[in-house]
Amino acid sequence: MMFTFPPLIQAGVTSGLYEVVKNAAGVPLAIARDPATGQFVGHAISMASNAGIPFNPVSMIFQVGQIYQTHRGFQAVQASLGVLQTMSALTGIGVVANIGISAVSLWQILKLREDVKQQRIEMREGFLDLKQFMKDQKTEIIQQINEAVQDIEFRQQRQILAQAYGRFLEATRLMQIAMSCEDLNIRNADLANARQTLNEALADYKNPHFVKENNAITKLRRAECVWTIEQTIAVTYQLQEQPQALSNCLGQLQDRIRQDLEDVMDLCELEEELDIIFPEILRIHDQDLVVLQTWQAQVDWMRSLPASEQKLLTQVTPNAEIVETPTPADLAIPPEQLLYKTWQEKSHFVALRDVLYFMIKTENRRDCEAYINQQGHQAGHKALTTTNLQQMSNLSVANLYWYFKVRDESETELAEV
């Protein structure tokens, strides 16, 4: 990954005057220093892939482990949660199959999130107006939405989530006020109260008794809401300067995301569902999880510094604003969506779903590699060695696995005839 720093510091990094700090494992961190003097000179303001593509994570709003301590920053996280839970409501009322995947796709989420932040779309009680959002759909679809939103159970669920969203707004408001307090005791007390309120909101979002997650898309949307709140809880520990608690939170959040994504994929039984979740899980894996890993690595690195260097680090003036990746109304199709379309031409549903499993849990890939190696050896394919398989892409391994799997099952069926 690559970091971008404020212009003067970036010029120094480019010229070699400054260097990007790395931890003991060689992982780049979002801090630059002067190697000649050992002085830290500034924090990064954004990050991008090695190909230069700016990060615009789906759920992770506090990018590069830094915190939005401005009104605009908190508006961003509030907008993201509202969009995600609106998408959850839309898929939960069972109309997604009729309205087409574009309505709840990664592309649509990125556009809607920006529209809410720019106040181009109104949000009430944490929800977009579903009828306004779907105004371009066919009349029968609008009618189906009208009928669904009148359902008592749906209205009860929406009311509970609206209350939870209200708690989330109250907590983020309290966090903003806390950061303006000069008295550290008052600041920490307010942040602790905000964390308690966030945990109350989180309990509603995680409540399994009133939420119907009968498809992969709805489960993913609800999980993203949970991640957003849990990340905000982690921020309270950073604002209180509790690095051990913060590191624990970030580690647990990464574990939760991976487990939630596995659960989502277990529910994915239709190609139409995969069309929606594949690009988003790809971005979550390649961006959201990377942001969290970098954030945690930076926190742990700071904890390992001697007291003298920790003091030097505190003397670095924080950046006044984090640079966000803009999301204009005419946003191009996300690269993850384009990649998925390319892979669709080279593979099929079950193999593509396995690609996601391989990304999230490498143990799944190792089992398939062992199967391919065994079947390849029996078939005389000498190139399918363990070493060669480990160098192959996830897509190639998945395709090979299902090639041998289908062939093996067909031969078994013939033998039983």
Protein backbone atom coordinates (compact mmCIF):
# COMPACT_ATOMS: atom_id res chain seq x y z
CA MET A 1 0.00 0.00 0.00
CA MET A 2 1.02 3.63 -0.39
CA PHE A 3 0.39 6.63 1.85
CA THR A 4 -0.17 10.24 0.90
CA PHE A 5 1.08 12.97 3.23
CA PRO A 6 0.49 16.74 3.30
CA PRO A 7 2.19 18.40 0.28
CA LEU A 8 5.45 19.52 1.94
CA ILE A 9 5.97 16.20 3.68
CA GLN A 10 4.99 14.27 0.55
CA ALA A 11 7.60 16.19 -1.42
CA GLY A 12 10.19 15.17 1.17
CA VAL A 13 9.13 11.51 0.98
CA THR A 14 9.31 11.59 -2.82
CA SER A 15 12.78 13.17 -2.82
CA GLY A 16 14.11 10.80 -0.18
CA LEU A 17 14.51 13.51 2.46
CA TYR A 18 11.89 11.75 4.61
CA GLU A 19 10.97 8.09 4.92
CA VAL A 20 7.76 6.23 5.67
CA VAL A 21 8.09 4.50 9.03
CA LYS A 22 7.91 0.70 9.11
CA ASN A 23 7.41 -1.62 12.05
CA ALA A 24 9.70 -4.53 12.96
CA ALA A 25 7.90 -6.77 10.45
CA GLY A 26 8.51 -4.29 7.63
CA VAL A 27 4.88 -3.13 7.41
CA PRO A 28 4.62 0.53 6.27
CA LEU A 29 2.86 2.80 8.76
CA ALA A 30 1.06 6.10 8.23
CA ILE A 31 3.87 8.20 9.71
CA ALA A 32 6.87 9.90 8.09
CA ARG A 33 10.16 10.76 9.76
CA ASP A 34 13.47 12.43 9.02
CA PRO A 35 16.04 9.60 9.03
CA ALA A 36 18.89 12.05 9.62
CA THR A 37 17.50 13.45 12.87
CA GLY A 38 15.04 10.73 13.87
CA GLN A 39 12.29 13.35 14.16
CA PHE A 40 8.73 12.38 13.19
CA VAL A 41 7.44 14.94 10.70
CA GLY A 42 3.79 14.08 10.05
CA HIS A 43 0.91 11.66 9.63
CA ALA A 44 -0.56 10.40 6.36
CA ILE A 45 -3.82 11.88 5.11
CA SER A 46 -4.89 9.03 2.81
CA MET A 47 -3.83 5.63 1.54
CA ALA A 48 -3.95 3.78 -1.76
CA SER A 49 -3.14 0.39 -3.23
CA ASN A 50 0.27 -0.27 -4.74
CA ALA A 51 -1.39 0.33 -8.11
CA GLY A 52 -2.23 3.86 -6.97
CA ILE A 53 -5.99 3.28 -6.58
CA PRO A 54 -7.26 5.39 -3.63
CA PHE A 55 -8.86 3.48 -0.78
CA ASN A 56 -12.56 4.12 -0.31
CA PRO A 57 -13.60 1.35 2.08
CA VAL A 58 -17.23 0.29 2.28
CA SER A 59 -17.67 0.41 6.05
CA MET A 60 -14.45 1.73 7.56
CA ILE A 61 -14.78 5.49 7.87
CA PHE A 62 -11.81 6.26 10.12
CA GLN A 63 -9.16 5.70 7.49
CA VAL A 64 -5.45 5.04 8.12
CA GLY A 65 -6.03 4.66 11.86
CA GLN A 66 -6.62 8.40 12.24
CA ILE A 67 -9.77 9.99 13.61
CA TYR A 68 -12.25 12.43 12.21
CA GLN A 69 -12.52 14.91 15.05
CA THR A 70 -14.57 17.31 12.95
CA HIS A 71 -18.28 17.67 12.40
CA ARG A 72 -17.83 16.61 8.77
CA GLY A 73 -16.10 13.43 9.83
CA PHE A 74 -18.86 12.35 12.16
CA GLN A 75 -21.42 13.17 9.48
CA ALA A 76 -19.60 10.71 7.22
CA VAL A 77 -19.91 7.79 9.61
CA GLN A 78 -23.54 8.65 10.35
CA ALA A 79 -24.33 8.73 6.64
CA SER A 80 -22.63 5.39 6.07
CA LEU A 81 -24.63 3.68 8.80
CA GLY A 82 -27.89 5.14 7.50
CA VAL A 83 -27.24 3.96 3.95
CA LEU A 84 -26.26 0.46 5.11
CA GLN A 85 -29.32 -0.03 7.27
CA THR A 86 -31.58 1.29 4.50
CA MET A 87 -30.07 -1.31 2.18
CA SER A 88 -30.68 -3.90 4.90
CA ALA A 89 -34.33 -2.89 5.10
CA LEU A 90 -34.70 -3.00 1.33
CA THR A 91 -33.31 -6.51 0.99
CA GLY A 92 -35.09 -7.67 4.13
CA ILE A 93 -38.56 -6.97 2.72
CA GLY A 94 -37.93 -9.41 -0.08
CA VAL A 95 -38.01 -7.15 -3.13
CA VAL A 96 -34.36 -7.37 -4.11
CA ALA A 97 -34.92 -10.12 -6.68
CA ASN A 98 -37.43 -7.95 -8.52
CA ILE A 99 -35.64 -4.63 -8.54
CA GLY A 100 -32.32 -5.86 -9.91
CA ILE A 101 -28.89 -5.98 -8.35
CA SER A 102 -27.99 -2.38 -9.19
CA ALA A 103 -30.28 -1.09 -6.43
CA VAL A 104 -28.26 -2.66 -3.61
CA SER A 105 -24.84 -3.03 -5.23
CA LEU A 106 -21.47 -1.74 -4.06
CA TRP A 107 -21.68 0.95 -6.73
CA GLN A 108 -25.05 2.15 -5.41
CA ILE A 109 -23.86 2.18 -1.79
CA LEU A 110 -20.84 4.34 -2.63
CA LYS A 111 -23.03 6.81 -4.53
CA LEU A 112 -25.74 6.94 -1.89
CA ARG A 113 -23.23 7.46 0.91
CA GLU A 114 -21.83 10.48 -0.91
CA ASP A 115 -25.32 11.81 -1.72
CA VAL A 116 -26.28 11.73 1.95
CA LYS A 117 -23.06 13.44 3.02
CA GLN A 118 -23.62 16.14 0.39
CA GLN A 119 -27.25 16.44 1.52
CA ARG A 120 -28.55 15.52 -1.92
CA ILE A 121 -30.74 12.84 -0.35
CA GLU A 122 -32.62 13.30 2.91
CA MET A 123 -32.40 10.76 5.71
CA ARG A 124 -34.91 10.53 8.56
CA GLU A 125 -34.41 8.50 11.72
CA GLY A 126 -31.44 6.79 10.11
CA PHE A 127 -33.28 5.66 6.95
CA LEU A 128 -33.57 6.88 3.41
CA ASP A 129 -37.12 7.11 2.06
CA LEU A 130 -37.48 3.75 0.29
CA LYS A 131 -40.19 5.03 -2.04
CA GLN A 132 -38.09 8.05 -3.03
CA PHE A 133 -35.03 5.86 -3.42
CA MET A 134 -36.95 3.46 -5.68
CA LYS A 135 -38.88 6.13 -7.63
CA ASP A 136 -37.41 5.01 -10.96
CA GLN A 137 -38.61 1.42 -10.53
CA LYS A 138 -41.73 -0.06 -12.11
CA THR A 139 -45.14 0.66 -10.60
CA GLU A 140 -45.60 -2.89 -9.33
CA ILE A 141 -42.28 -2.70 -7.47
CA ILE A 142 -43.31 0.56 -5.80
CA GLN A 143 -46.58 -1.09 -4.82
CA GLN A 144 -44.71 -4.05 -3.35
CA ILE A 145 -42.60 -1.70 -1.27
CA ASN A 146 -45.72 0.15 -0.09
CA GLU A 147 -47.26 -3.12 1.05
CA ALA A 148 -44.08 -4.30 2.73
CA VAL A 149 -43.50 -1.13 4.75
CA GLN A 150 -47.03 -1.43 6.16
CA ASP A 151 -46.25 -4.87 7.56
CA ILE A 152 -46.41 -4.73 11.37
CA GLU A 153 -43.30 -6.81 11.89
CA PHE A 154 -41.32 -4.68 9.45
CA ARG A 155 -42.48 -1.47 11.14
CA GLN A 156 -41.51 -2.83 14.56
CA GLN A 157 -38.04 -3.74 13.33
CA ARG A 158 -37.62 -0.35 11.71
CA GLN A 159 -38.67 1.39 14.93
CA ILE A 160 -36.10 -0.52 16.98
CA LEU A 161 -33.34 0.27 14.50
CA ALA A 162 -34.42 3.92 14.37
CA GLN A 163 -34.04 4.07 18.15
CA ALA A 164 -30.65 2.39 17.92
CA TYR A 165 -29.57 4.86 15.26
CA GLY A 166 -30.69 7.67 17.55
CA ARG A 167 -28.41 6.30 20.25
CA PHE A 168 -25.58 6.19 17.73
CA LEU A 169 -26.15 9.86 16.84
CA GLU A 170 -26.22 10.81 20.50
CA ALA A 171 -22.98 8.92 21.14
CA THR A 172 -21.12 10.56 18.25
CA ARG A 173 -22.42 13.98 19.34
CA LEU A 174 -21.09 13.33 22.84
CA MET A 175 -17.73 12.25 21.41
CA GLN A 176 -17.46 15.55 19.54
CA ILE A 177 -18.25 17.54 22.66
CA ALA A 178 -15.82 15.47 24.73
CA MET A 179 -12.94 16.37 22.43
CA SER A 180 -13.54 20.06 23.12
CA CYS A 181 -13.16 19.58 26.89
CA GLU A 182 -9.91 20.82 28.38
CA ASP A 183 -10.45 18.89 31.62
CA LEU A 184 -9.24 15.32 30.95
CA ASN A 185 -11.47 13.87 33.66
CA ILE A 186 -14.57 15.34 32.05
CA ARG A 187 -13.39 14.30 28.59
CA ASN A 188 -12.79 10.69 29.64
CA ALA A 189 -16.10 10.52 31.50
CA ASP A 190 -17.98 11.76 28.44
CA LEU A 191 -16.16 9.30 26.18
CA ALA A 192 -17.01 6.46 28.57
CA ASN A 193 -20.68 7.51 28.48
CA ALA A 194 -20.54 7.65 24.68
CA ARG A 195 -19.10 4.12 24.60
CA GLN A 196 -21.91 2.89 26.85
CA THR A 197 -24.48 4.43 24.50
CA LEU A 198 -22.75 2.86 21.50
CA ASN A 199 -22.89 -0.55 23.19
CA GLU A 200 -26.63 -0.10 23.75
CA ALA A 201 -27.10 0.69 20.07
CA LEU A 202 -24.92 -2.27 19.14
CA ALA A 203 -27.08 -4.62 21.20
CA ASP A 204 -30.12 -3.69 19.09
CA TYR A 205 -28.28 -4.17 15.80
CA LYS A 206 -26.99 -7.57 16.93
CA ASN A 207 -30.29 -8.77 18.41
CA PRO A 208 -31.10 -12.04 16.55
CA HIS A 209 -34.70 -12.22 17.76
CA PHE A 210 -36.22 -9.46 15.65
CA VAL A 211 -33.97 -9.49 12.59
CA LYS A 212 -34.69 -11.78 9.66
CA GLU A 213 -31.43 -12.52 7.87
CA ASN A 214 -32.79 -15.06 5.43
CA ASN A 215 -30.42 -14.18 2.60
CA ALA A 216 -26.74 -13.38 2.19
CA ILE A 217 -27.32 -9.77 1.17
CA THR A 218 -29.37 -8.82 4.22
CA LYS A 219 -26.87 -10.50 6.55
CA LEU A 220 -23.99 -8.63 4.94
CA ARG A 221 -25.76 -5.29 5.25
CA ARG A 222 -26.60 -5.88 8.91
CA ALA A 223 -23.04 -7.02 9.62
CA GLU A 224 -21.69 -3.83 8.06
CA CYS A 225 -23.85 -1.79 10.45
CA VAL A 226 -22.38 -3.71 13.40
CA TRP A 227 -18.82 -3.18 12.15
CA THR A 228 -19.36 0.57 11.84
CA ILE A 229 -20.50 0.83 15.45
CA GLU A 230 -17.76 -1.45 16.78
CA GLN A 231 -15.17 0.63 14.97
CA THR A 232 -16.58 3.76 16.56
CA ILE A 233 -16.29 2.08 19.97
CA ALA A 234 -12.62 1.44 19.16
CA VAL A 235 -12.21 5.15 18.44
CA THR A 236 -13.36 6.03 21.96
CA TYR A 237 -10.39 4.06 23.32
CA GLN A 238 -8.02 5.88 20.98
CA LEU A 239 -9.40 9.24 22.11
CA GLN A 240 -8.85 8.15 25.72
CA GLU A 241 -5.28 7.11 24.84
CA GLN A 242 -5.79 3.48 25.79
CA PRO A 243 -3.62 1.67 23.18
CA GLN A 244 -3.95 -1.83 24.67
CA ALA A 245 -7.75 -1.67 24.67
CA LEU A 246 -7.70 -0.12 21.19
CA SER A 247 -5.47 -2.87 19.81
CA ASN A 248 -7.70 -5.53 21.34
CA CYS A 249 -10.79 -3.91 19.80
CA LEU A 250 -9.21 -3.72 16.36
CA GLY A 251 -8.06 -7.33 16.52
CA GLN A 252 -11.49 -8.57 17.62
CA LEU A 253 -13.18 -6.49 14.92
CA GLN A 254 -11.02 -8.10 12.21
CA ASP A 255 -11.90 -11.55 13.57
CA ARG A 256 -15.59 -10.64 13.59
CA ILE A 257 -15.49 -9.38 10.02
CA ARG A 258 -13.89 -12.57 8.77
CA GLN A 259 -16.37 -14.76 10.66
CA ASP A 260 -19.33 -12.66 9.50
CA LEU A 261 -18.16 -12.89 5.90
CA GLU A 262 -17.94 -16.68 6.19
CA ASP A 263 -21.50 -16.73 7.54
CA VAL A 264 -22.62 -14.52 4.66
CA MET A 265 -21.06 -16.87 2.11
CA ASP A 266 -22.67 -19.87 3.80
CA LEU A 267 -26.06 -18.26 3.07
CA CYS A 268 -25.18 -17.48 -0.55
CA GLU A 269 -27.03 -20.03 -2.66
CA LEU A 270 -27.98 -18.02 -5.73
CA GLU A 271 -25.89 -16.47 -8.47
CA GLU A 272 -27.93 -13.26 -8.12
CA GLU A 273 -26.76 -12.98 -4.51
CA LEU A 274 -23.15 -13.60 -5.47
CA ASP A 275 -23.41 -10.84 -8.08
CA ILE A 276 -24.03 -8.42 -5.22
CA ILE A 277 -21.78 -9.68 -2.45
CA PHE A 278 -18.69 -10.70 -4.45
CA PRO A 279 -17.47 -7.19 -5.40
CA GLU A 280 -18.22 -5.89 -1.92
CA ILE A 281 -16.48 -8.71 -0.05
CA LEU A 282 -13.52 -8.25 -2.39
CA ARG A 283 -13.32 -4.58 -1.40
CA ILE A 284 -13.83 -5.37 2.30
CA HIS A 285 -10.94 -7.84 2.11
CA ASP A 286 -8.61 -5.64 0.07
CA GLN A 287 -9.42 -2.30 1.70
CA ASP A 288 -11.42 -2.38 4.95
CA LEU A 289 -9.40 -5.18 6.52
CA VAL A 290 -6.15 -3.63 5.30
CA VAL A 291 -7.09 -0.31 6.94
CA LEU A 292 -7.81 -2.08 10.23
CA GLN A 293 -4.61 -4.14 10.06
CA THR A 294 -2.56 -1.01 9.39
CA TRP A 295 -4.29 0.84 12.20
CA GLN A 296 -3.60 -1.98 14.67
CA ALA A 297 0.01 -2.35 13.48
CA GLN A 298 0.55 1.36 14.05
CA VAL A 299 -0.98 1.24 17.54
CA ASP A 300 1.18 -1.75 18.52
CA TRP A 301 4.28 -0.10 17.06
CA MET A 302 3.65 3.07 19.07
CA ARG A 303 3.28 1.00 22.23
CA SER A 304 6.67 -0.62 21.56
CA LEU A 305 8.55 2.68 21.27
CA PRO A 306 10.83 3.80 24.10
CA ALA A 307 9.53 6.70 26.16
CA SER A 308 11.83 9.17 24.39
CA GLU A 309 10.41 8.35 20.94
CA GLN A 310 6.86 8.29 22.23
CA LYS A 311 7.44 11.84 23.43
CA LEU A 312 8.75 12.84 19.99
CA LEU A 313 5.66 11.36 18.38
CA THR A 314 3.30 13.36 20.59
CA GLN A 315 5.00 16.54 19.39
CA VAL A 316 3.85 15.95 15.81
CA THR A 317 0.93 18.24 15.05
CA PRO A 318 -2.10 16.19 13.94
CA ASN A 319 -3.48 16.90 10.49
CA ALA A 320 -6.51 19.13 10.66
CA GLU A 321 -8.44 17.05 8.15
CA ILE A 322 -8.29 13.62 6.62
CA VAL A 323 -8.57 13.51 2.83
CA GLU A 324 -11.53 11.48 1.66
CA THR A 325 -11.84 9.85 -1.72
CA PRO A 326 -14.64 11.79 -3.47
CA THR A 327 -17.58 9.86 -4.80
CA PRO A 328 -19.26 11.96 -7.50
CA ALA A 329 -22.72 11.24 -8.84
CA ASP A 330 -21.27 9.92 -12.09
CA LEU A 331 -18.88 7.58 -10.28
CA ALA A 332 -17.37 4.98 -12.58
CA ILE A 333 -18.13 1.34 -11.97
CA PRO A 334 -15.90 0.14 -9.07
CA PRO A 335 -12.87 -1.89 -10.19
CA GLU A 336 -14.06 -4.81 -8.04
CA GLN A 337 -17.26 -4.95 -10.09
CA LEU A 338 -15.31 -4.97 -13.34
CA LEU A 339 -12.97 -7.68 -12.05
CA TYR A 340 -15.92 -9.83 -11.03
CA LYS A 341 -17.44 -9.52 -14.51
CA THR A 342 -14.13 -10.65 -16.00
CA TRP A 343 -13.91 -13.62 -13.66
CA GLN A 344 -17.49 -14.61 -14.42
CA GLU A 345 -16.41 -15.27 -18.00
CA LYS A 346 -13.69 -17.63 -16.77
CA SER A 347 -15.50 -19.50 -14.04
CA HIS A 348 -18.87 -20.41 -12.51
CA PHE A 349 -20.91 -19.88 -9.36
CA VAL A 350 -19.47 -22.46 -6.94
CA ALA A 351 -15.86 -21.75 -7.93
CA LEU A 352 -16.33 -18.00 -7.59
CA ARG A 353 -17.89 -18.47 -4.17
CA ASP A 354 -14.87 -20.56 -3.19
CA VAL A 355 -12.60 -17.70 -4.24
CA LEU A 356 -14.21 -15.65 -1.46
CA TYR A 357 -13.72 -18.48 1.03
CA PHE A 358 -10.05 -18.69 0.05
CA MET A 359 -9.55 -14.95 0.60
CA ILE A 360 -11.16 -14.91 4.02
CA LYS A 361 -9.79 -18.21 5.35
CA THR A 362 -6.61 -19.59 3.79
CA GLU A 363 -7.16 -23.00 5.42
CA ASN A 364 -9.98 -23.60 2.95
CA ARG A 365 -7.58 -23.15 0.06
CA ARG A 366 -5.01 -25.53 1.56
CA ASP A 367 -7.61 -28.33 1.68
CA CYS A 368 -8.47 -27.77 -1.98
CA GLU A 369 -4.80 -27.68 -2.98
CA ALA A 370 -4.29 -31.08 -1.31
CA TYR A 371 -7.27 -32.51 -3.22
CA ILE A 372 -6.03 -31.10 -6.55
CA ASN A 373 -2.55 -32.46 -5.90
CA GLN A 374 -3.92 -35.93 -5.19
CA GLN A 375 -6.25 -36.00 -8.20
CA GLY A 376 -3.63 -34.46 -10.47
CA HIS A 377 -1.05 -37.08 -9.46
CA GLN A 378 -3.52 -39.88 -10.23
CA ALA A 379 -4.29 -38.34 -13.60
CA GLY A 380 -0.61 -37.90 -14.48
CA HIS A 381 -0.57 -34.08 -14.30
CA LYS A 382 2.97 -33.65 -13.04
CA ALA A 383 2.78 -29.84 -13.01
CA LEU A 384 0.17 -29.82 -10.26
CA THR A 385 2.69 -29.99 -7.46
CA THR A 386 2.14 -28.41 -4.07
CA THR A 387 4.70 -25.70 -4.84
CA ASN A 388 3.08 -24.79 -8.16
CA LEU A 389 -0.42 -24.77 -6.67
CA GLN A 390 0.69 -22.37 -3.93
CA GLN A 391 1.79 -19.90 -6.61
CA MET A 392 -1.54 -19.99 -8.46
CA SER A 393 -4.30 -17.44 -8.05
CA ASN A 394 -7.37 -18.19 -5.94
CA LEU A 395 -9.46 -18.33 -9.12
CA SER A 396 -7.18 -20.91 -10.74
CA VAL A 397 -7.21 -23.13 -7.66
CA ALA A 398 -11.00 -22.92 -7.37
CA ASN A 399 -11.46 -23.78 -11.05
CA LEU A 400 -9.08 -26.73 -10.83
CA TYR A 401 -10.75 -28.02 -7.68
CA TRP A 402 -14.18 -28.08 -9.29
CA TYR A 403 -12.80 -29.53 -12.52
CA PHE A 404 -11.51 -32.56 -10.61
CA LYS A 405 -14.50 -32.61 -8.26
CA VAL A 406 -17.04 -32.83 -11.08
CA ARG A 407 -14.93 -35.38 -12.95
CA ASP A 408 -14.54 -37.50 -9.83
CA GLU A 409 -18.28 -37.42 -9.10
CA SER A 410 -19.11 -38.33 -12.71
CA GLU A 411 -16.76 -41.30 -12.63
CA THR A 412 -18.31 -42.46 -9.34
CA GLU A 413 -21.81 -42.28 -10.81
CA LEU A 414 -20.74 -44.27 -13.87
CA ALA A 415 -19.14 -46.91 -11.71
CA GLU A 416 -22.38 -47.34 -9.75
CA VAL A 417 -24.51 -47.83 -12.89
